[in-house]
C-alpha atoms as a PDB file:
ATOM      1  CA  MET A   1      72.782  86.994  95.630  1.00  0.00           C
ATOM      2  CA  SER A   2      75.967  85.202  94.672  1.00  0.00           C
ATOM      3  CA  CYS A   3      78.076  82.642  96.532  1.00  0.00           C
ATOM      4  CA  LEU A   4      81.661  83.414  97.525  1.00  0.00           C
ATOM      5  CA  LEU A   5      84.126  80.709  96.509  1.00  0.00           C
ATOM      6  CA  HIS A   6      87.774  80.061  95.779  1.00  0.00           C
ATOM      7  CA  PRO A   7      88.270  79.009  92.142  1.00  0.00           C
ATOM      8  CA  THR A   8      89.701  75.512  92.461  1.00  0.00           C
ATOM      9  CA  TYR A   9      91.377  73.010  90.118  1.00  0.00           C
ATOM     10  CA  PHE A  10      88.730  70.789  88.497  1.00  0.00           C
ATOM     11  CA  PRO A  11      86.480  71.411  91.518  1.00  0.00           C
ATOM     12  CA  ASN A  12      84.817  68.748  93.589  1.00  0.00           C
ATOM     13  CA  VAL A  13      81.142  67.842  93.682  1.00  0.00           C
ATOM     14  CA  PHE A  14      80.227  69.937  96.750  1.00  0.00           C
ATOM     15  CA  HIS A  15      81.943  72.970  95.265  1.00  0.00           C
ATOM     16  CA  PHE A  16      79.816  72.744  92.142  1.00  0.00           C
ATOM     17  CA  ALA A  17      76.639  71.929  94.022  1.00  0.00           C
ATOM     18  CA  VAL A  18      76.988  75.359  95.636  1.00  0.00           C
ATOM     19  CA  ILE A  19      77.464  77.065  92.275  1.00  0.00           C
ATOM     20  CA  GLN A  20      74.367  75.358  90.877  1.00  0.00           C
ATOM     21  CA  ALA A  21      72.306  76.155  93.989  1.00  0.00           C
ATOM     22  CA  TYR A  22      73.079  79.850  93.405  1.00  0.00           C
ATOM     23  CA  ASN A  23      72.091  79.487  89.733  1.00  0.00           C
ATOM     24  CA  GLY A  24      75.613  80.215  88.568  1.00  0.00           C
ATOM     25  CA  HIS A  25      75.918  83.538  90.417  1.00  0.00           C
ATOM     26  CA  VAL A  26      79.390  83.408  91.936  1.00  0.00           C
ATOM     27  CA  THR A  27      82.004  85.799  93.284  1.00  0.00           C
ATOM     28  CA  TRP A  28      85.529  84.456  93.037  1.00  0.00           C
ATOM     29  CA  GLU A  29      87.990  85.073  95.851  1.00  0.00           C
ATOM     30  CA  VAL A  30      91.145  86.304  94.085  1.00  0.00           C
ATOM     31  CA  HIS A  31      92.831  88.408  96.769  1.00  0.00           C
ATOM     32  CA  ASP A  32      93.896  85.633  99.112  1.00  0.00           C
ATOM     33  CA  HIS A  33      97.392  84.184  99.436  1.00  0.00           C
ATOM     34  CA  PHE A  34      98.182  80.836  97.882  1.00  0.00           C
ATOM     35  CA  GLN A  35      98.263  78.034 100.443  1.00  0.00           C
ATOM     36  CA  LYS A  36      99.640  74.524 100.047  1.00  0.00           C
ATOM     37  CA  GLN A  37      97.574  71.365 100.493  1.00  0.00           C
ATOM     38  CA  THR A  38      94.330  72.937  99.348  1.00  0.00           C
ATOM     39  CA  PHE A  39      92.108  72.444  96.334  1.00  0.00           C
ATOM     40  CA  ARG A  40      93.533  75.619  94.788  1.00  0.00           C
ATOM     41  CA  ASN A  41      95.867  73.405  92.778  1.00  0.00           C
ATOM     42  CA  ARG A  42      94.600  69.923  93.659  1.00  0.00           C
ATOM     43  CA  CYS A  43      91.758  67.650  92.641  1.00  0.00           C
ATOM     44  CA  GLU A  44      90.876  64.096  93.629  1.00  0.00           C
ATOM     45  CA  ILE A  45      89.768  61.354  91.272  1.00  0.00           C
ATOM     46  CA  CYS A  46      88.793  57.729  91.843  1.00  0.00           C
ATOM     47  CA  SER A  47      91.351  55.272  90.506  1.00  0.00           C
ATOM     48  CA  ASP A  48      91.779  51.502  90.670  1.00  0.00           C
ATOM     49  CA  SER A  49      93.889  52.094  93.788  1.00  0.00           C
ATOM     50  CA  GLY A  50      91.295  54.299  95.487  1.00  0.00           C
ATOM     51  CA  LYS A  51      91.345  58.073  95.872  1.00  0.00           C
ATOM     52  CA  LEU A  52      94.111  59.650  93.789  1.00  0.00           C
ATOM     53  CA  LYS A  53      95.279  63.227  94.379  1.00  0.00           C
ATOM     54  CA  LEU A  54      96.423  65.223  91.360  1.00  0.00           C
ATOM     55  CA  SER A  55      98.376  68.396  92.156  1.00  0.00           C
ATOM     56  CA  ALA A  56      99.413  71.031  89.620  1.00  0.00           C
ATOM     57  CA  PRO A  57     102.909  72.322  90.525  1.00  0.00           C
ATOM     58  CA  ILE A  58     103.460  76.059  90.786  1.00  0.00           C
ATOM     59  CA  ILE A  59     106.476  78.335  90.429  1.00  0.00           C
ATOM     60  CA  HIS A  60     107.615  79.477  93.860  1.00  0.00           C
ATOM     61  CA  LYS A  61     109.015  83.004  93.905  1.00  0.00           C
ATOM     62  CA  LYS A  62     112.114  83.026  96.118  1.00  0.00           C
ATOM     63  CA  LYS A  63     111.751  86.655  97.172  1.00  0.00           C
ATOM     64  CA  GLN A  64     108.091  86.338  98.104  1.00  0.00           C
ATOM     65  CA  GLU A  65     107.105  84.697 101.367  1.00  0.00           C
ATOM     66  CA  HIS A  66     103.451  84.778 100.333  1.00  0.00           C
ATOM     67  CA  GLN A  67     102.183  84.730  96.789  1.00  0.00           C
ATOM     68  CA  LYS A  68      98.888  86.280  95.836  1.00  0.00           C
ATOM     69  CA  PHE A  69      96.737  83.494  94.426  1.00  0.00           C
ATOM     70  CA  SER A  70      95.798  85.458  91.310  1.00  0.00           C
ATOM     71  CA  GLU A  71      99.505  85.859  90.463  1.00  0.00           C
ATOM     72  CA  VAL A  72     100.577  82.222  90.887  1.00  0.00           C
ATOM     73  CA  GLU A  73     102.209  80.770  87.765  1.00  0.00           C
ATOM     74  CA  LEU A  74     102.244  77.123  86.762  1.00  0.00           C
ATOM     75  CA  GLU A  75     105.415  75.069  86.259  1.00  0.00           C
ATOM     76  CA  TYR A  76     105.360  72.886  83.147  1.00  0.00           C
ATOM     77  CA  LYS A  77     108.876  71.372  83.150  1.00  0.00           C
ATOM     78  CA  THR A  78     107.579  68.164  84.732  1.00  0.00           C
ATOM     79  CA  LEU A  79     104.875  67.764  82.069  1.00  0.00           C
ATOM     80  CA  TRP A  80     102.393  67.298  84.902  1.00  0.00           C
ATOM     81  CA  ASN A  81      99.485  68.160  82.603  1.00  0.00           C
ATOM     82  CA  ARG A  82     100.196  65.086  80.487  1.00  0.00           C
ATOM     83  CA  ILE A  83     100.600  62.956  83.605  1.00  0.00           C
ATOM     84  CA  HIS A  84      97.279  64.185  84.989  1.00  0.00           C
ATOM     85  CA  TRP A  85      95.456  63.453  81.755  1.00  0.00           C
ATOM     86  CA  LYS A  86      97.004  59.990  81.536  1.00  0.00           C
ATOM     87  CA  SER A  87      95.905  59.256  85.124  1.00  0.00           C
ATOM     88  CA  ILE A  88      92.375  60.469  84.347  1.00  0.00           C
ATOM     89  CA  THR A  89      92.223  58.412  81.161  1.00  0.00           C
ATOM     90  CA  THR A  90      93.416  55.282  82.962  1.00  0.00           C
ATOM     91  CA  ALA A  91      90.884  55.761  85.760  1.00  0.00           C
ATOM     92  CA  TYR A  92      87.842  56.557  83.612  1.00  0.00           C
ATOM     93  CA  ARG A  93      88.277  55.066  80.156  1.00  0.00           C
ATOM     94  CA  SER A  94      85.712  52.372  81.078  1.00  0.00           C
ATOM     95  CA  SER A  95      83.202  54.804  82.596  1.00  0.00           C
ATOM     96  CA  PRO A  96      79.864  55.261  80.790  1.00  0.00           C
ATOM     97  CA  TYR A  97      80.493  58.792  79.483  1.00  0.00           C
ATOM     98  CA  PHE A  98      84.265  59.202  79.199  1.00  0.00           C
ATOM     99  CA  GLU A  99      84.328  59.074  75.405  1.00  0.00           C
ATOM    100  CA  PHE A 100      81.574  61.682  75.226  1.00  0.00           C
ATOM    101  CA  TYR A 101      83.718  64.310  77.007  1.00  0.00           C
ATOM    102  CA  GLU A 102      87.214  63.125  76.100  1.00  0.00           C
ATOM    103  CA  ASP A 103      87.978  65.329  73.094  1.00  0.00           C
ATOM    104  CA  GLU A 104      87.093  68.668  74.668  1.00  0.00           C
ATOM    105  CA  LEU A 105      88.788  67.856  77.953  1.00  0.00           C
ATOM    106  CA  THR A 106      91.982  66.870  76.160  1.00  0.00           C
ATOM    107  CA  LEU A 107      92.297  70.453  74.942  1.00  0.00           C
ATOM    108  CA  LEU A 108      92.312  71.782  78.516  1.00  0.00           C
ATOM    109  CA  PHE A 109      95.234  69.542  79.402  1.00  0.00           C
ATOM    110  CA  GLU A 110      97.147  70.347  76.225  1.00  0.00           C
ATOM    111  CA  LYS A 111      96.957  74.117  76.732  1.00  0.00           C
ATOM    112  CA  LYS A 112      99.699  75.805  78.740  1.00  0.00           C
ATOM    113  CA  TYR A 113      98.126  78.387  81.012  1.00  0.00           C
ATOM    114  CA  ASN A 114      99.873  81.521  82.217  1.00  0.00           C
ATOM    115  CA  SER A 115      98.384  81.265  85.692  1.00  0.00           C
ATOM    116  CA  LEU A 116      96.730  78.790  88.034  1.00  0.00           C
ATOM    117  CA  LEU A 117      93.719  81.093  88.256  1.00  0.00           C
ATOM    118  CA  GLU A 118      93.222  80.984  84.498  1.00  0.00           C
ATOM    119  CA  LEU A 119      93.378  77.182  84.456  1.00  0.00           C
ATOM    120  CA  ASN A 120      90.966  76.840  87.366  1.00  0.00           C
ATOM    121  CA  LEU A 121      88.420  79.188  85.842  1.00  0.00           C
ATOM    122  CA  ASP A 122      88.562  77.335  82.519  1.00  0.00           C
ATOM    123  CA  SER A 123      87.961  74.001  84.273  1.00  0.00           C
ATOM    124  CA  ILE A 124      84.976  75.473  86.138  1.00  0.00           C
ATOM    125  CA  ARG A 125      83.517  77.013  82.993  1.00  0.00           C
ATOM    126  CA  TYR A 126      83.888  73.687  81.249  1.00  0.00           C
ATOM    127  CA  PHE A 127      81.732  71.948  83.849  1.00  0.00           C
ATOM    128  CA  ALA A 128      79.184  74.765  83.776  1.00  0.00           C
ATOM    129  CA  LYS A 129      78.893  74.322  80.027  1.00  0.00           C
ATOM    130  CA  GLN A 130      78.236  70.586  80.388  1.00  0.00           C
ATOM    131  CA  LEU A 131      75.559  71.304  82.998  1.00  0.00           C
ATOM    132  CA  ASN A 132      73.908  73.963  80.824  1.00  0.00           C
ATOM    133  CA  LEU A 133      74.563  76.400  83.658  1.00  0.00           C
ATOM    134  CA  GLN A 134      75.068  80.049  82.756  1.00  0.00           C
ATOM    135  CA  LEU A 135      77.717  81.558  85.012  1.00  0.00           C
ATOM    136  CA  THR A 136      77.433  85.140  86.224  1.00  0.00           C
ATOM    137  CA  GLU A 137      80.916  85.818  87.548  1.00  0.00           C
ATOM    138  CA  ALA A 138      82.374  88.587  89.690  1.00  0.00           C
ATOM    139  CA  TYR A 139      85.669  88.962  91.538  1.00  0.00           C
ATOM    140  CA  SER A 140      86.408  89.986  95.100  1.00  0.00           C
ATOM    141  CA  GLU A 141      87.693  93.543  95.498  1.00  0.00           C
ATOM    142  CA  ARG A 142      89.697  92.811  98.655  1.00  0.00           C
ATOM    143  CA  PHE A 143      90.345  89.942 101.031  1.00  0.00           C
ATOM    144  CA  ASN A 144      87.934  89.914 103.945  1.00  0.00           C
ATOM    145  CA  LEU A 145      87.982  87.363 106.742  1.00  0.00           C
ATOM    146  CA  GLU A 146      84.406  88.118 107.719  1.00  0.00           C
ATOM    147  CA  SER A 147      81.928  85.569 106.492  1.00  0.00           C
ATOM    148  CA  ASP A 148      78.189  85.448 105.925  1.00  0.00           C
ATOM    149  CA  ASP A 149      75.606  82.920 104.831  1.00  0.00           C
ATOM    150  CA  ASN A 150      76.828  82.816 101.242  1.00  0.00           C
ATOM    151  CA  ASP A 151      80.533  82.367 102.082  1.00  0.00           C
ATOM    152  CA  PHE A 152      81.688  78.888 101.016  1.00  0.00           C
ATOM    153  CA  ARG A 153      85.416  79.580 100.870  1.00  0.00           C
ATOM    154  CA  PHE A 154      85.975  76.845 103.467  1.00  0.00           C
ATOM    155  CA  LEU A 155      85.446  74.279 100.711  1.00  0.00           C
ATOM    156  CA  VAL A 156      88.955  75.026  99.423  1.00  0.00           C
ATOM    157  CA  ASN A 157      90.533  73.347 102.459  1.00  0.00           C
ATOM    158  CA  ALA A 158      91.478  69.784 101.513  1.00  0.00           C
ATOM    159  CA  LYS A 159      91.918  68.775 105.163  1.00  0.00           C
ATOM    160  CA  TYR A 160      88.357  69.521 106.227  1.00  0.00           C
ATOM    161  CA  LYS A 161      86.009  66.632 106.836  1.00  0.00           C
ATOM    162  CA  LEU A 162      82.610  67.722 105.604  1.00  0.00           C
ATOM    163  CA  ARG A 163      79.244  66.563 106.836  1.00  0.00           C
ATOM    164  CA  PHE A 164      76.720  66.543 104.048  1.00  0.00           C
ATOM    165  CA  THR A 165      73.505  65.157 102.624  1.00  0.00           C
ATOM    166  CA  ALA A 166      74.075  63.621  99.210  1.00  0.00           C
ATOM    167  CA  PRO A 167      73.166  60.280  97.629  1.00  0.00           C
ATOM    168  CA  GLN A 168      75.734  57.812  96.336  1.00  0.00           C
ATOM    169  CA  TYR A 169      76.144  57.056  92.643  1.00  0.00           C
ATOM    170  CA  THR A 170      77.846  54.237  90.765  1.00  0.00           C
ATOM    171  CA  GLN A 171      81.604  54.728  90.373  1.00  0.00           C
ATOM    172  CA  VAL A 172      83.946  52.732  88.135  1.00  0.00           C
ATOM    173  CA  PHE A 173      85.777  51.031  91.003  1.00  0.00           C
ATOM    174  CA  GLY A 174      82.996  51.247  93.565  1.00  0.00           C
ATOM    175  CA  ASP A 175      82.811  47.472  93.914  1.00  0.00           C
ATOM    176  CA  ARG A 176      86.486  47.464  94.904  1.00  0.00           C
ATOM    177  CA  HIS A 177      86.789  50.492  97.197  1.00  0.00           C
ATOM    178  CA  GLY A 178      83.247  51.460  98.064  1.00  0.00           C
ATOM    179  CA  PHE A 179      81.822  54.903  97.352  1.00  0.00           C
ATOM    180  CA  ILE A 180      84.332  57.774  97.408  1.00  0.00           C
ATOM    181  CA  GLU A 181      82.546  60.979  98.322  1.00  0.00           C
ATOM    182  CA  ASN A 182      83.157  64.479  97.008  1.00  0.00           C
ATOM    183  CA  ALA A 183      85.561  63.575  94.221  1.00  0.00           C
ATOM    184  CA  SER A 184      86.293  65.956  91.369  1.00  0.00           C
ATOM    185  CA  MET A 185      83.424  66.831  89.077  1.00  0.00           C
ATOM    186  CA  LEU A 186      85.306  64.756  86.512  1.00  0.00           C
ATOM    187  CA  ASP A 187      84.181  61.659  88.407  1.00  0.00           C
ATOM    188  CA  LEU A 188      80.551  62.754  88.463  1.00  0.00           C
ATOM    189  CA  LEU A 189      80.523  63.736  84.810  1.00  0.00           C
ATOM    190  CA  PHE A 190      82.172  60.547  83.539  1.00  0.00           C
ATOM    191  CA  ASN A 191      79.838  58.334  85.579  1.00  0.00           C
ATOM    192  CA  LEU A 192      76.514  60.184  85.299  1.00  0.00           C
ATOM    193  CA  GLY A 193      76.883  62.277  82.148  1.00  0.00           C
ATOM    194  CA  PRO A 194      73.780  64.423  81.526  1.00  0.00           C
ATOM    195  CA  ASN A 195      72.298  63.215  84.825  1.00  0.00           C
ATOM    196  CA  ALA A 196      75.001  65.080  86.765  1.00  0.00           C
ATOM    197  CA  GLU A 197      72.822  68.184  86.923  1.00  0.00           C
ATOM    198  CA  ASP A 198      69.976  66.307  88.623  1.00  0.00           C
ATOM    199  CA  TYR A 199      72.415  64.724  91.059  1.00  0.00           C
ATOM    200  CA  LEU A 200      73.828  68.089  92.154  1.00  0.00           C
ATOM    201  CA  SER A 201      70.327  69.412  92.788  1.00  0.00           C
ATOM    202  CA  GLN A 202      69.823  66.664  95.385  1.00  0.00           C
ATOM    203  CA  ILE A 203      72.667  67.983  97.559  1.00  0.00           C
ATOM    204  CA  ASP A 204      71.482  70.155 100.429  1.00  0.00           C
ATOM    205  CA  ILE A 205      74.156  72.865 100.576  1.00  0.00           C
ATOM    206  CA  LYS A 206      72.661  74.233 103.810  1.00  0.00           C
ATOM    207  CA  ALA A 207      73.730  70.980 105.447  1.00  0.00           C
ATOM    208  CA  LEU A 208      77.378  71.393 104.426  1.00  0.00           C
ATOM    209  CA  LYS A 209      79.253  71.612 107.712  1.00  0.00           C
ATOM    210  CA  ILE A 210      82.801  71.075 108.903  1.00  0.00           C
ATOM    211  CA  GLY A 211      83.473  68.203 111.296  1.00  0.00           C
END
């Protein structure tokens, strides 16, 4: 059985805990419409000022009221990819494992992707590689509102407050802001390195609830 998820931009810890719990068997939702203020094009990192939201801008088609997520193109005129990487570097350069992952991650931010979907999938596959997790990927054939026990598409909503069972770990600015939960996997990887896999296994995905 595979989990059903939206492919998100440098996904958060809960998102990846689900993927690992299903041993990398995942079906990507690709037939939905793009929605603003979701993790489809946003991730959250921990900076010296607290939680920092990084959003990848998209090209809005004037003649289309709703864009299919799989067809959304990225806008690079603002050089947002360089800005994101600079923000990440500033936030994590002093973390224990930043230098270990820096070179390969730089390539993801230097590449210009044709679509948001392509970028998101590459970011997810990057994390899977670091966790030694073999992904078995499939894609939805149609959009279906009906949900079942393996439907975790709700994790894409950035406004949801999730109840969960997960331990805290040491973050770069934790002494200043306290622990920031469910940040991007970038935060987990830079702070825990090879121990990130063990951390994710401690998260009880059955306890993930909204509210």
